[in-house]
């Protein structure tokens, strides 16, 4: 029988080395030999990985010393505290996990180890709970999860590319244990009422009194003529005034759900049931409170477990609550500081563990409930953001949409897409903006250039530099790479995990990220399908790349389609062998959230079966 041209091409493209039910990346190998001249986006992706590394190297050499210490004035506080110091390496773990050189891994690990030593040694004089060290047991002594989450962002994402580091694994367990009450000195959680007992919590436990401006602002410091605080204060007195109303911290707040990322990491490393059970117990309690509160997540849960229990029954009370509007001393204007939105991290973590869309539904329903409070003011529809003693306030012209992107990404429902309106990346995925990939990559190149220029013009010295001063110059720019290569959304800088449709691994070097010369472009996403183009830009050397469903193997790759020919996969990952100068478009049929998430690399995941 004569073999048609199409079938001959398929035989050249696909070679299956599989058992009846493949279980790991090694079970299915897809050979690609179709020539593909490198498109602009592929060349730019490879260049962007290199340019990020070069710029980060210069940044590291300027601001960190040989110990890995940030060269700055070490302070405790909500303006310029320890969390800001390590935030200067934000996105570096993601850059490594995308495929940048191991040099970036070595730099941020050196900075992280130095950071832990530096702020364990750093002590306050007047702030009572940090007099013996701002960090204890390598963790903030007690602080809110606006700042705890920021300071843990680099650590929480280290597992993407370096899950087998022994110190990392020990810390993951220790940090999670602070919230499972495994440390006698850190009884942060009340298992009876299923609450974290204070807005301030950490390795020395919860702060069970009203907070003061000193607790938040840190020790007195010379300001004018020496520092330029990023919050605009001219004096230390203004720094105290900034926090003078940040008092009602006792009881639980949605932002404490940031602590669930610690349990998630511990579970993804060990798969010990206790971490999953605690996480779901705590998040389920928040879901139930939200449903009882007419679909709006409350911002204070009392020590008795009741909504508003520490704020005279006001569900909207407390620091960073729905009614938390304070005067900004730098400009005299009213500032609305409601951080309930940080709670979405907990619901996303529960979704990763269960695949249950009820954790998405609760937030979507809250968006709808808030926007139902729309008013017509001066002939225009206006939507609220805050709630106080007199009801909803702080109206604006755009609908409330806190967490709307995450909701759509997790659900992939058309109604959730409509809520986002015009979005350059989503428009591209909808087939409406073919020039998006190159434009987005160009924007990241421009960001690197702008930040390097700012860094080189920065004339601060270590004794006139606060920990957050270098942050605007951190050149790491990965937004376009996350969306294009991974089909993912940026996790932000509050300690959330990475949510993405695909990840890549180099089976030859045994590391995370695309191998040298490989580029990837996710072109379409749906609830059960992902379309990606993979290309080897090297014209002389073959490349093997493992493609995994999800950041943590949570998505099951059921089958793939190349040139109309379907092939069963039935595994979280598969291997693509790219001949020199070759590339192809792959349609991956997937079942999302079908697998328990893991930090194990694909070739190690057989141990989970």
Protein backbone atom coordinates (compact mmCIF):
# COMPACT_ATOMS: atom_id res chain seq x y z
CA UNK A 1 0.00 0.00 0.00
CA UNK A 2 1.34 3.39 -0.97
CA UNK A 3 2.03 5.67 2.00
CA UNK A 4 0.69 9.16 1.43
CA UNK A 5 2.86 12.24 1.85
CA UNK A 6 0.92 13.23 4.95
CA UNK A 7 1.42 9.89 6.65
CA UNK A 8 5.10 9.91 5.79
CA UNK A 9 5.41 13.27 7.45
CA UNK A 10 3.58 12.02 10.52
CA UNK A 11 5.99 9.10 10.82
CA UNK A 12 8.83 11.61 10.68
CA UNK A 13 7.22 13.78 13.33
CA UNK A 14 5.99 11.22 15.85
CA UNK A 15 7.77 8.26 17.34
CA UNK A 16 6.05 6.81 20.35
CA UNK A 17 7.99 4.92 22.95
CA UNK A 18 5.17 4.19 25.33
CA UNK A 19 3.52 1.63 27.48
CA UNK A 20 -0.23 1.13 27.36
CA UNK A 21 -0.68 3.67 30.15
CA UNK A 22 2.29 6.05 30.16
CA UNK A 23 3.03 7.60 33.54
CA UNK A 24 6.01 9.92 33.18
CA UNK A 25 7.89 12.19 30.79
CA UNK A 26 10.12 9.36 29.63
CA UNK A 27 7.20 7.26 28.38
CA UNK A 28 6.29 9.37 25.35
CA UNK A 29 8.85 10.91 23.00
CA UNK A 30 7.67 13.10 20.13
CA UNK A 31 10.23 13.51 17.33
CA UNK A 32 9.95 16.75 15.35
CA UNK A 33 11.94 17.10 12.12
CA UNK A 34 9.86 19.66 10.21
CA UNK A 35 12.07 22.66 9.29
CA UNK A 36 10.91 26.00 10.73
CA UNK A 37 12.91 29.20 10.19
CA UNK A 38 13.10 31.03 13.56
CA UNK A 39 10.36 33.66 13.76
CA UNK A 40 11.06 37.01 15.42
CA UNK A 41 9.37 36.06 18.69
CA UNK A 42 11.60 32.98 19.08
CA UNK A 43 14.83 34.89 18.58
CA UNK A 44 13.62 37.64 20.92
CA UNK A 45 12.70 35.17 23.66
CA UNK A 46 16.19 33.72 23.65
CA UNK A 47 17.74 37.20 23.68
CA UNK A 48 15.45 38.33 26.50
CA UNK A 49 16.54 35.44 28.70
CA UNK A 50 20.17 36.46 28.17
CA UNK A 51 19.59 40.21 28.60
CA UNK A 52 17.74 39.66 31.85
CA UNK A 53 20.65 37.68 33.23
CA UNK A 54 23.24 40.28 32.19
CA UNK A 55 21.27 43.10 33.78
CA UNK A 56 20.56 41.16 36.99
CA UNK A 57 24.28 40.41 37.32
CA UNK A 58 25.10 44.12 37.22
CA UNK A 59 22.31 44.87 39.72
CA UNK A 60 23.56 42.17 42.11
CA UNK A 61 27.14 43.43 41.93
CA UNK A 62 26.05 46.99 42.73
CA UNK A 63 23.67 46.39 45.63
CA UNK A 64 24.79 43.15 47.34
CA UNK A 65 28.10 42.48 49.08
CA UNK A 66 30.20 39.32 49.10
CA UNK A 67 28.09 37.89 51.95
CA UNK A 68 24.87 38.32 50.02
CA UNK A 69 23.81 41.21 52.29
CA UNK A 70 21.91 44.10 50.74
CA UNK A 71 24.03 47.21 51.20
CA UNK A 72 21.51 49.44 52.95
CA UNK A 73 20.42 50.75 56.34
CA UNK A 74 18.66 47.84 58.00
CA UNK A 75 15.30 48.75 59.50
CA UNK A 76 12.15 47.13 60.78
CA UNK A 77 8.83 48.43 59.56
CA UNK A 78 6.00 48.58 57.07
CA UNK A 79 7.67 51.29 54.99
CA UNK A 80 11.16 49.90 54.46
CA UNK A 81 11.52 46.65 56.37
CA UNK A 82 13.25 43.31 55.83
CA UNK A 83 10.68 42.20 53.27
CA UNK A 84 11.75 44.98 50.93
CA UNK A 85 15.38 43.88 51.06
CA UNK A 86 14.80 40.49 49.44
CA UNK A 87 12.14 41.89 47.12
CA UNK A 88 15.05 43.32 45.20
CA UNK A 89 15.40 39.81 43.74
CA UNK A 90 11.76 39.46 42.74
CA UNK A 91 11.14 37.32 39.63
CA UNK A 92 14.67 35.90 39.60
CA UNK A 93 13.42 32.37 40.47
CA UNK A 94 10.91 32.59 37.62
CA UNK A 95 13.63 33.74 35.23
CA UNK A 96 15.66 30.66 36.14
CA UNK A 97 12.65 28.34 35.84
CA UNK A 98 12.00 29.73 32.35
CA UNK A 99 15.45 28.66 31.22
CA UNK A 100 17.97 31.37 32.12
CA UNK A 101 21.46 30.27 33.12
CA UNK A 102 22.05 28.64 36.51
CA UNK A 103 23.98 31.80 37.36
CA UNK A 104 20.72 33.55 38.25
CA UNK A 105 19.88 30.66 40.60
CA UNK A 106 23.24 31.04 42.35
CA UNK A 107 22.80 34.80 42.71
CA UNK A 108 19.35 34.79 44.27
CA UNK A 109 20.21 31.87 46.56
CA UNK A 110 23.28 33.79 47.72
CA UNK A 111 21.10 36.85 48.30
CA UNK A 112 18.48 34.79 50.17
CA UNK A 113 21.03 33.15 52.47
CA UNK A 114 22.61 36.53 53.12
CA UNK A 115 19.19 38.06 53.72
CA UNK A 116 18.35 35.53 56.42
CA UNK A 117 21.63 36.15 58.23
CA UNK A 118 21.46 39.91 57.80
CA UNK A 119 18.01 40.35 59.31
CA UNK A 120 18.52 37.77 62.03
CA UNK A 121 21.48 39.88 63.12
CA UNK A 122 19.58 43.15 62.67
CA UNK A 123 17.79 44.20 65.87
CA UNK A 124 15.49 47.01 66.90
CA UNK A 125 16.05 49.24 69.90
CA UNK A 126 12.51 50.40 70.61
CA UNK A 127 10.17 48.04 68.72
CA UNK A 128 9.67 45.41 71.41
CA UNK A 129 9.19 42.16 69.49
CA UNK A 130 12.26 42.58 67.21
CA UNK A 131 14.84 43.54 69.85
CA UNK A 132 16.44 40.10 69.64
CA UNK A 133 16.37 40.01 65.84
CA UNK A 134 13.98 40.99 63.08
CA UNK A 135 14.03 37.37 61.95
CA UNK A 136 13.82 34.39 64.27
CA UNK A 137 14.28 30.86 63.03
CA UNK A 138 14.85 32.46 59.60
CA UNK A 139 11.34 33.96 59.48
CA UNK A 140 9.80 37.35 60.36
CA UNK A 141 9.14 37.49 64.10
CA UNK A 142 5.61 38.86 63.68
CA UNK A 143 4.25 41.01 60.86
CA UNK A 144 1.23 41.27 58.61
CA UNK A 145 0.86 39.29 55.38
CA UNK A 146 1.08 42.34 53.16
CA UNK A 147 4.72 42.32 54.18
CA UNK A 148 5.26 38.65 55.05
CA UNK A 149 4.00 37.72 51.59
CA UNK A 150 6.27 40.23 49.89
CA UNK A 151 9.30 39.02 51.81
CA UNK A 152 8.58 35.36 50.99
CA UNK A 153 7.98 35.79 47.26
CA UNK A 154 11.49 34.76 46.20
CA UNK A 155 11.58 31.85 48.65
CA UNK A 156 8.13 30.55 47.74
CA UNK A 157 9.06 30.34 44.05
CA UNK A 158 12.48 28.74 44.58
CA UNK A 159 10.87 25.32 44.28
CA UNK A 160 10.11 25.92 40.61
CA UNK A 161 13.76 25.40 39.74
CA UNK A 162 15.48 24.13 42.87
CA UNK A 163 13.13 21.87 44.85
CA UNK A 164 15.83 19.46 46.01
CA UNK A 165 17.93 22.01 47.90
CA UNK A 166 18.11 20.60 51.43
CA UNK A 167 17.97 23.97 53.20
CA UNK A 168 14.93 24.93 51.14
CA UNK A 169 13.14 21.70 52.03
CA UNK A 170 13.86 22.15 55.75
CA UNK A 171 12.65 25.73 55.70
CA UNK A 172 9.47 24.86 53.85
CA UNK A 173 8.50 22.46 56.64
CA UNK A 174 9.57 24.80 59.42
CA UNK A 175 7.72 27.79 57.99
CA UNK A 176 4.53 25.82 57.40
CA UNK A 177 4.84 24.47 60.94
CA UNK A 178 4.48 27.98 62.35
CA UNK A 179 0.86 27.86 61.13
CA UNK A 180 0.16 24.23 61.97
CA UNK A 181 1.12 25.04 65.59
CA UNK A 182 4.08 22.64 65.41
CA UNK A 183 6.33 25.22 67.09
CA UNK A 184 5.44 25.87 70.76
CA UNK A 185 6.63 29.46 70.39
CA UNK A 186 4.47 30.20 67.33
CA UNK A 187 0.89 29.28 68.08
CA UNK A 188 -0.56 31.41 65.31
CA UNK A 189 -3.59 29.23 64.53
CA UNK A 190 -6.70 28.48 66.56
CA UNK A 191 -7.94 25.08 65.29
CA UNK A 192 -11.21 25.37 67.18
CA UNK A 193 -12.34 28.56 65.45
CA UNK A 194 -10.17 27.99 62.36
CA UNK A 195 -8.56 31.39 62.51
CA UNK A 196 -5.10 32.90 62.46
CA UNK A 197 -5.39 34.89 65.64
CA UNK A 198 -3.92 38.24 64.62
CA UNK A 199 -3.01 40.34 61.62
CA UNK A 200 0.55 40.27 63.02
CA UNK A 201 1.91 36.72 63.06
CA UNK A 202 5.17 34.89 62.47
CA UNK A 203 7.90 32.82 64.09
CA UNK A 204 7.29 34.35 67.53
CA UNK A 205 3.55 33.92 67.24
CA UNK A 206 0.66 36.38 66.98
CA UNK A 207 0.67 39.89 68.46
CA UNK A 208 -2.36 39.85 70.75
CA UNK A 209 -2.74 43.56 71.51
CA UNK A 210 -3.47 46.73 69.62
CA UNK A 211 -0.58 47.71 67.40
CA UNK A 212 1.12 51.07 67.68
CA UNK A 213 2.66 53.39 65.14
CA UNK A 214 6.05 52.31 66.49
CA UNK A 215 5.29 48.65 65.78
CA UNK A 216 4.63 49.53 62.17
CA UNK A 217 7.11 52.37 61.52
CA UNK A 218 10.16 50.93 63.27
CA UNK A 219 12.77 52.73 65.34
CA UNK A 220 13.33 56.50 65.01
CA UNK A 221 15.49 57.47 62.06
CA UNK A 222 16.90 60.59 60.47
CA UNK A 223 14.97 61.26 57.27
CA UNK A 224 15.22 64.70 55.65
CA UNK A 225 18.45 65.27 53.80
CA UNK A 226 19.48 61.63 54.11
CA UNK A 227 16.73 59.35 52.86
CA UNK A 228 13.86 59.62 50.41
CA UNK A 229 11.17 57.27 51.74
CA UNK A 230 9.08 55.89 48.89
CA UNK A 231 5.88 56.70 50.79
CA UNK A 232 6.72 60.41 50.68
CA UNK A 233 7.41 61.18 54.35
CA UNK A 234 9.85 63.98 55.23
CA UNK A 235 10.27 63.15 58.90
CA UNK A 236 10.12 60.18 61.25
CA UNK A 237 7.11 61.84 62.89
CA UNK A 238 5.27 61.57 59.57
CA UNK A 239 6.22 57.90 59.40
CA UNK A 240 4.61 57.38 62.81
CA UNK A 241 1.60 59.41 61.71
CA UNK A 242 1.29 57.23 58.62
CA UNK A 243 0.57 54.27 60.90
CA UNK A 244 -1.17 55.98 63.81
CA UNK A 245 -4.53 54.36 62.99
CA UNK A 246 -3.14 50.90 62.27
CA UNK A 247 -4.29 49.61 65.65
CA UNK A 248 -7.02 46.94 65.39
CA UNK A 249 -5.00 43.89 64.39
CA UNK A 250 -6.36 41.23 66.76
CA UNK A 251 -8.44 38.58 65.00
CA UNK A 252 -8.28 37.14 61.50
CA UNK A 253 -8.19 38.96 58.16
CA UNK A 254 -8.38 37.52 54.59
CA UNK A 255 -4.80 38.53 53.83
CA UNK A 256 -3.68 35.87 56.34
CA UNK A 257 -4.59 33.32 53.67
CA UNK A 258 -1.20 34.15 52.23
CA UNK A 259 0.13 31.73 54.85
CA UNK A 260 -1.51 28.88 52.94
CA UNK A 261 1.28 29.12 50.35
CA UNK A 262 3.64 27.78 53.00
CA UNK A 263 1.47 24.71 53.53
CA UNK A 264 1.03 24.32 49.78
CA UNK A 265 4.80 24.28 49.25
CA UNK A 266 5.25 21.77 52.07
CA UNK A 267 2.59 19.52 50.56
CA UNK A 268 4.05 19.75 47.06
CA UNK A 269 7.43 18.68 48.43
CA UNK A 270 6.31 15.91 50.78
CA UNK A 271 2.68 15.06 49.98
CA UNK A 272 2.06 14.65 53.68
CA UNK A 273 -1.73 14.89 54.19
CA UNK A 274 -1.47 17.23 57.18
CA UNK A 275 -0.48 20.19 55.01
CA UNK A 276 -3.34 19.71 52.59
CA UNK A 277 -5.82 19.13 55.41
CA UNK A 278 -4.81 22.32 57.23
CA UNK A 279 -4.90 24.42 54.07
CA UNK A 280 -8.36 23.23 53.07
CA UNK A 281 -9.70 23.53 56.62
CA UNK A 282 -8.59 27.15 56.81
CA UNK A 283 -9.69 28.18 53.31
CA UNK A 284 -13.03 26.39 53.68
CA UNK A 285 -13.64 28.38 56.87
CA UNK A 286 -13.10 31.61 54.94
CA UNK A 287 -15.39 30.46 52.18
CA UNK A 288 -18.15 29.67 54.67
CA UNK A 289 -17.75 33.07 56.38
CA UNK A 290 -18.01 34.79 53.02
CA UNK A 291 -21.23 32.95 52.17
CA UNK A 292 -22.69 33.81 55.59
CA UNK A 293 -21.80 37.46 55.03
CA UNK A 294 -24.04 37.85 51.95
CA UNK A 295 -21.21 36.84 49.65
CA UNK A 296 -18.74 39.55 50.77
CA UNK A 297 -15.58 38.37 52.46
CA UNK A 298 -15.38 39.93 55.95
CA UNK A 299 -12.19 41.63 57.12
CA UNK A 300 -12.33 40.82 60.80
CA UNK A 301 -13.01 37.51 62.50
CA UNK A 302 -12.95 37.67 66.29
CA UNK A 303 -11.12 35.37 68.65
CA UNK A 304 -14.52 33.81 69.29
CA UNK A 305 -14.76 32.91 65.60
CA UNK A 306 -17.55 35.41 64.94
CA UNK A 307 -17.57 37.85 62.04
CA UNK A 308 -16.54 41.28 63.34
CA UNK A 309 -15.81 39.80 66.75
CA UNK A 310 -12.95 42.21 67.55
CA UNK A 311 -14.46 45.28 65.85
CA UNK A 312 -17.81 45.74 67.61
CA UNK A 313 -19.52 43.34 65.24
CA UNK A 314 -18.48 45.24 62.12
CA UNK A 315 -17.65 42.75 59.37
CA UNK A 316 -15.82 45.53 57.54
CA UNK A 317 -13.68 46.61 60.50
CA UNK A 318 -10.03 46.37 61.42
CA UNK A 319 -6.73 47.39 59.90
CA UNK A 320 -6.78 46.85 56.13
CA UNK A 321 -10.51 46.22 56.31
CA UNK A 322 -13.32 47.25 53.99
CA UNK A 323 -13.70 50.45 56.01
CA UNK A 324 -10.01 51.22 56.50
CA UNK A 325 -9.58 54.74 55.11
CA UNK A 326 -6.83 56.82 56.71
CA UNK A 327 -5.16 60.18 56.12
CA UNK A 328 -1.86 60.15 54.27
CA UNK A 329 0.41 62.57 56.18
CA UNK A 330 2.64 63.08 53.14
CA UNK A 331 -0.12 64.81 51.15
CA UNK A 332 -3.00 65.20 53.59
CA UNK A 333 -5.34 63.16 51.40
CA UNK A 334 -7.55 60.25 52.38
CA UNK A 335 -6.08 56.88 51.44
CA UNK A 336 -8.26 53.79 51.06
CA UNK A 337 -6.27 50.74 52.16
CA UNK A 338 -8.43 47.65 51.90
CA UNK A 339 -6.36 44.50 51.35
CA UNK A 340 -9.08 41.85 51.36
CA UNK A 341 -8.02 41.05 47.78
CA UNK A 342 -4.92 39.24 49.04
CA UNK A 343 -7.21 36.48 50.22
CA UNK A 344 -7.62 35.20 46.68
CA UNK A 345 -4.24 33.47 47.08
CA UNK A 346 -5.82 31.02 49.52
CA UNK A 347 -8.69 30.17 47.19
CA UNK A 348 -6.25 29.62 44.32
CA UNK A 349 -4.14 27.33 46.49
CA UNK A 350 -7.22 25.29 47.41
CA UNK A 351 -8.10 25.01 43.72
CA UNK A 352 -4.61 23.66 42.95
CA UNK A 353 -5.10 20.95 45.57
CA UNK A 354 -8.65 19.93 44.70
CA UNK A 355 -9.64 21.18 41.25
CA UNK A 356 -12.91 22.23 42.90
CA UNK A 357 -14.40 25.28 41.20
CA UNK A 358 -16.30 26.24 44.36
CA UNK A 359 -13.18 28.18 45.34
CA UNK A 360 -13.49 30.17 42.14
CA UNK A 361 -17.25 30.58 42.43
CA UNK A 362 -17.08 32.29 45.81
CA UNK A 363 -14.85 35.08 44.51
CA UNK A 364 -16.80 35.50 41.29
CA UNK A 365 -20.02 35.81 43.26
CA UNK A 366 -18.41 38.48 45.44
CA UNK A 367 -17.46 40.49 42.35
CA UNK A 368 -21.07 40.31 41.21
CA UNK A 369 -22.42 41.26 44.64
CA UNK A 370 -20.21 44.33 44.87
CA UNK A 371 -21.01 45.52 41.36
CA UNK A 372 -24.70 45.11 42.13
CA UNK A 373 -24.25 48.16 44.38
CA UNK A 374 -23.79 50.36 41.30
CA UNK A 375 -25.11 53.92 41.49
CA UNK A 376 -25.75 56.53 38.86
CA UNK A 377 -23.86 59.67 39.85
CA UNK A 378 -23.92 62.72 37.57
CA UNK A 379 -25.34 60.54 34.84
CA UNK A 380 -22.58 57.91 35.07
CA UNK A 381 -22.57 54.43 36.52
CA UNK A 382 -20.25 54.27 39.53
CA UNK A 383 -19.08 51.24 41.49
CA UNK A 384 -17.87 51.00 45.12
CA UNK A 385 -14.59 49.76 46.56
CA UNK A 386 -15.08 50.34 50.29
CA UNK A 387 -17.72 49.77 52.98
CA UNK A 388 -18.09 51.68 56.26
CA UNK A 389 -20.59 52.67 58.90
CA UNK A 390 -22.70 54.48 56.29
CA UNK A 391 -22.58 51.70 53.71
CA UNK A 392 -20.69 51.45 50.42
CA UNK A 393 -18.37 54.30 49.42
CA UNK A 394 -15.32 55.24 47.34
CA UNK A 395 -17.22 54.92 44.06
CA UNK A 396 -15.44 54.92 40.72
CA UNK A 397 -16.38 54.59 37.04
CA UNK A 398 -15.05 51.07 36.50
CA UNK A 399 -16.66 47.93 37.91
CA UNK A 400 -14.99 46.25 40.86
CA UNK A 401 -12.66 43.63 39.37
CA UNK A 402 -10.25 42.57 42.12
CA UNK A 403 -9.07 39.09 41.13
CA UNK A 404 -11.06 39.03 37.89
CA UNK A 405 -8.09 37.89 35.81
CA UNK A 406 -7.42 34.97 38.14
CA UNK A 407 -11.09 33.98 38.12
CA UNK A 408 -11.16 33.80 34.33
CA UNK A 409 -7.83 32.00 34.15
CA UNK A 410 -8.99 29.38 36.63
CA UNK A 411 -12.49 28.90 35.18
CA UNK A 412 -12.02 29.66 31.45
CA UNK A 413 -15.71 30.58 31.35
CA UNK A 414 -16.88 33.08 28.69
CA UNK A 415 -18.74 35.20 31.26
CA UNK A 416 -15.51 35.65 33.20
CA UNK A 417 -13.66 36.61 30.01
CA UNK A 418 -16.25 39.29 29.26
CA UNK A 419 -15.62 40.89 32.64
CA UNK A 420 -12.02 41.65 31.63
CA UNK A 421 -12.88 43.55 28.45
CA UNK A 422 -10.00 44.38 26.10
CA UNK A 423 -6.75 42.74 27.19
CA UNK A 424 -3.77 42.55 24.84
CA UNK A 425 -2.70 39.01 25.81
CA UNK A 426 -6.24 37.62 25.88
CA UNK A 427 -7.03 39.36 22.60
CA UNK A 428 -4.05 37.55 21.10
CA UNK A 429 -5.25 34.21 22.45
CA UNK A 430 -8.64 35.01 20.93
CA UNK A 431 -6.92 35.35 17.55
CA UNK A 432 -7.42 39.12 17.31
CA UNK A 433 -3.91 40.54 17.73
CA UNK A 434 -1.16 38.62 15.89
CA UNK A 435 1.47 41.30 16.59
CA UNK A 436 1.14 40.96 20.37
CA UNK A 437 4.06 38.56 21.01
CA UNK A 438 6.69 40.82 19.47
CA UNK A 439 5.24 43.98 21.07
CA UNK A 440 5.16 42.39 24.52
CA UNK A 441 8.75 41.20 24.22
CA UNK A 442 9.80 44.66 23.06
CA UNK A 443 8.16 46.14 26.17
CA UNK A 444 10.25 43.89 28.41
CA UNK A 445 13.44 44.83 26.55
CA UNK A 446 12.53 48.49 27.09
CA UNK A 447 11.89 47.86 30.78
CA UNK A 448 15.37 46.35 31.19
CA UNK A 449 16.99 49.30 29.45
CA UNK A 450 15.05 51.80 31.58
CA UNK A 451 15.87 50.06 34.86
CA UNK A 452 19.55 49.62 34.07
CA UNK A 453 19.77 53.31 33.26
CA UNK A 454 18.11 54.16 36.58
CA UNK A 455 20.47 51.82 38.44
CA UNK A 456 23.53 53.38 36.86
CA UNK A 457 22.28 56.87 37.77
CA UNK A 458 21.46 55.90 41.36
CA UNK A 459 23.87 57.84 43.58
CA UNK A 460 22.75 56.47 46.95
CA UNK A 461 25.37 55.00 49.24
CA UNK A 462 24.87 52.14 51.70
CA UNK A 463 24.32 54.60 54.58
CA UNK A 464 21.80 56.71 52.63
CA UNK A 465 19.94 53.79 51.09
CA UNK A 466 16.78 52.19 52.49
CA UNK A 467 16.00 48.56 51.70
CA UNK A 468 13.35 49.46 49.15
CA UNK A 469 15.41 52.09 47.30
CA UNK A 470 16.89 49.67 44.70
CA UNK A 471 13.55 47.97 43.99
CA UNK A 472 12.56 50.23 41.05
CA UNK A 473 15.83 49.25 39.36
CA UNK A 474 15.50 45.47 39.65
CA UNK A 475 15.83 44.75 35.91
CA UNK A 476 14.25 41.29 35.85
CA UNK A 477 11.44 41.52 33.28
CA UNK A 478 9.56 38.28 32.65
CA UNK A 479 5.94 39.28 32.05
CA UNK A 480 5.99 38.50 28.34
CA UNK A 481 7.84 35.22 28.88
CA UNK A 482 5.31 34.00 31.46
CA UNK A 483 2.36 34.68 29.18
CA UNK A 484 3.96 33.53 25.93
CA UNK A 485 6.08 30.56 26.94
CA UNK A 486 4.00 29.23 29.81
CA UNK A 487 0.52 30.47 28.97
CA UNK A 488 0.49 31.75 32.54
CA UNK A 489 -0.27 34.78 34.65
CA UNK A 490 2.29 36.60 36.74
CA UNK A 491 1.97 35.49 40.39
CA UNK A 492 2.55 38.97 41.74
CA UNK A 493 4.83 39.71 44.66
CA UNK A 494 2.81 38.53 47.66
CA UNK A 495 3.97 34.93 47.99
CA UNK A 496 1.46 33.30 45.63
CA UNK A 497 2.40 30.24 43.54
CA UNK A 498 2.77 30.32 39.76
CA UNK A 499 -0.37 29.50 37.80
CA UNK A 500 0.43 28.51 34.23
CA UNK A 501 -0.72 26.06 31.59
CA UNK A 502 2.69 24.63 30.61
CA UNK A 503 6.20 24.36 31.96
CA UNK A 504 9.40 23.06 30.39
CA UNK A 505 12.38 21.03 31.55
CA UNK A 506 15.76 20.11 30.10
CA UNK A 507 16.16 16.32 30.45
CA UNK A 508 19.82 16.46 29.42
CA UNK A 509 20.93 19.04 32.00
CA UNK A 510 18.29 17.75 34.46
CA UNK A 511 16.98 21.20 35.27
CA UNK A 512 13.87 23.34 34.90
CA UNK A 513 13.41 25.63 31.90
CA UNK A 514 13.67 25.35 28.16
CA UNK A 515 17.02 24.02 26.90
CA UNK A 516 19.41 26.32 25.05
CA UNK A 517 18.04 27.46 21.67
CA UNK A 518 14.45 26.35 22.39
CA UNK A 519 11.58 28.84 22.29
CA UNK A 520 7.86 28.35 22.92
CA UNK A 521 4.73 30.31 22.12
CA UNK A 522 1.35 29.47 23.61
CA UNK A 523 -1.13 30.58 20.96
CA UNK A 524 -4.47 29.48 22.32
CA UNK A 525 -6.03 28.45 25.63
CA UNK A 526 -9.39 26.90 26.40
CA UNK A 527 -10.82 24.94 29.30
CA UNK A 528 -9.52 21.66 27.90
CA UNK A 529 -6.95 22.56 25.26
CA UNK A 530 -3.62 24.35 24.86
CA UNK A 531 -1.97 25.18 21.55
CA UNK A 532 1.78 25.80 21.59
CA UNK A 533 4.49 26.18 18.98
CA UNK A 534 7.88 24.77 19.93
CA UNK A 535 11.00 25.58 17.93
CA UNK A 536 14.69 24.81 18.04
CA UNK A 537 16.51 27.93 16.85
CA UNK A 538 19.83 26.07 16.65
CA UNK A 539 20.51 25.07 13.07
CA UNK A 540 23.15 22.52 13.99
CA UNK A 541 22.22 20.83 17.28
CA UNK A 542 19.10 18.83 18.29
CA UNK A 543 17.31 19.63 21.53
CA UNK A 544 15.13 17.57 23.87
CA UNK A 545 12.51 19.39 25.95
CA UNK A 546 10.00 17.99 28.43
CA UNK A 547 6.59 19.68 28.30
CA UNK A 548 4.59 19.56 31.54
CA UNK A 549 0.96 20.41 32.17
CA UNK A 550 0.87 23.19 34.76
CA UNK A 551 3.53 24.73 36.95
CA UNK A 552 3.38 21.76 39.29
CA UNK A 553 2.15 18.96 37.02
CA UNK A 554 -1.45 19.61 38.09
CA UNK A 555 -2.83 19.35 34.54
CA UNK A 556 -3.05 15.98 32.79
CA UNK A 557 -1.98 15.87 29.14
CA UNK A 558 -4.48 13.42 27.66
CA UNK A 559 -3.44 13.57 24.02
CA UNK A 560 -1.66 15.73 21.49
CA UNK A 561 -2.50 16.63 17.90
CA UNK A 562 0.13 17.46 15.28
CA UNK A 563 -0.94 18.04 11.67
CA UNK A 564 -4.34 16.57 12.45
CA UNK A 565 -2.97 13.31 13.86
CA UNK A 566 -3.86 12.58 17.51
CA UNK A 567 -1.62 10.64 19.85
CA UNK A 568 -2.44 9.50 23.37
CA UNK A 569 -0.28 10.82 26.22
CA UNK A 570 -2.21 10.13 29.45
CA UNK A 571 0.47 11.70 31.66
CA UNK A 572 1.33 15.05 33.20
CA UNK A 573 4.20 15.47 30.71
CA UNK A 574 5.86 14.26 27.54
CA UNK A 575 9.17 14.77 25.75
CA UNK A 576 9.66 16.57 22.44
CA UNK A 577 12.85 15.87 20.48
CA UNK A 578 13.54 18.81 18.15
CA UNK A 579 15.88 18.26 15.21
CA UNK A 580 18.19 21.16 14.29
CA UNK A 581 16.21 24.09 12.91
CA UNK A 582 12.88 22.34 13.40
CA UNK A 583 9.59 23.30 14.98
CA UNK A 584 5.92 22.42 15.11
CA UNK A 585 2.55 23.45 16.46
CA UNK A 586 1.12 21.08 19.08
CA UNK A 587 -2.47 21.00 20.27
CA UNK A 588 -2.56 19.49 23.76
CA UNK A 589 -5.85 18.11 25.02
CA UNK A 590 -5.81 18.41 28.80
CA UNK A 591 -7.77 17.78 31.93
CA UNK A 592 -6.97 20.68 34.19
CA UNK A 593 -6.38 20.17 37.92
CA UNK A 594 -6.54 16.40 37.49
CA UNK A 595 -3.30 15.69 39.39
CA UNK A 596 -2.00 16.54 42.83
CA UNK A 597 0.52 19.36 42.38
CA UNK A 598 4.18 18.56 43.00
CA UNK A 599 7.53 20.29 42.93
CA UNK A 600 9.20 17.11 41.72
CA UNK A 601 10.71 17.33 38.26
CA UNK A 602 8.92 15.15 35.66
CA UNK A 603 11.52 12.35 35.67
CA UNK A 604 11.08 12.03 39.46
CA UNK A 605 7.28 11.98 39.45
CA UNK A 606 6.97 8.23 38.91
CA UNK A 607 7.50 7.93 42.67
CA UNK A 608 4.10 9.55 43.17
CA UNK A 609 2.27 6.73 41.37
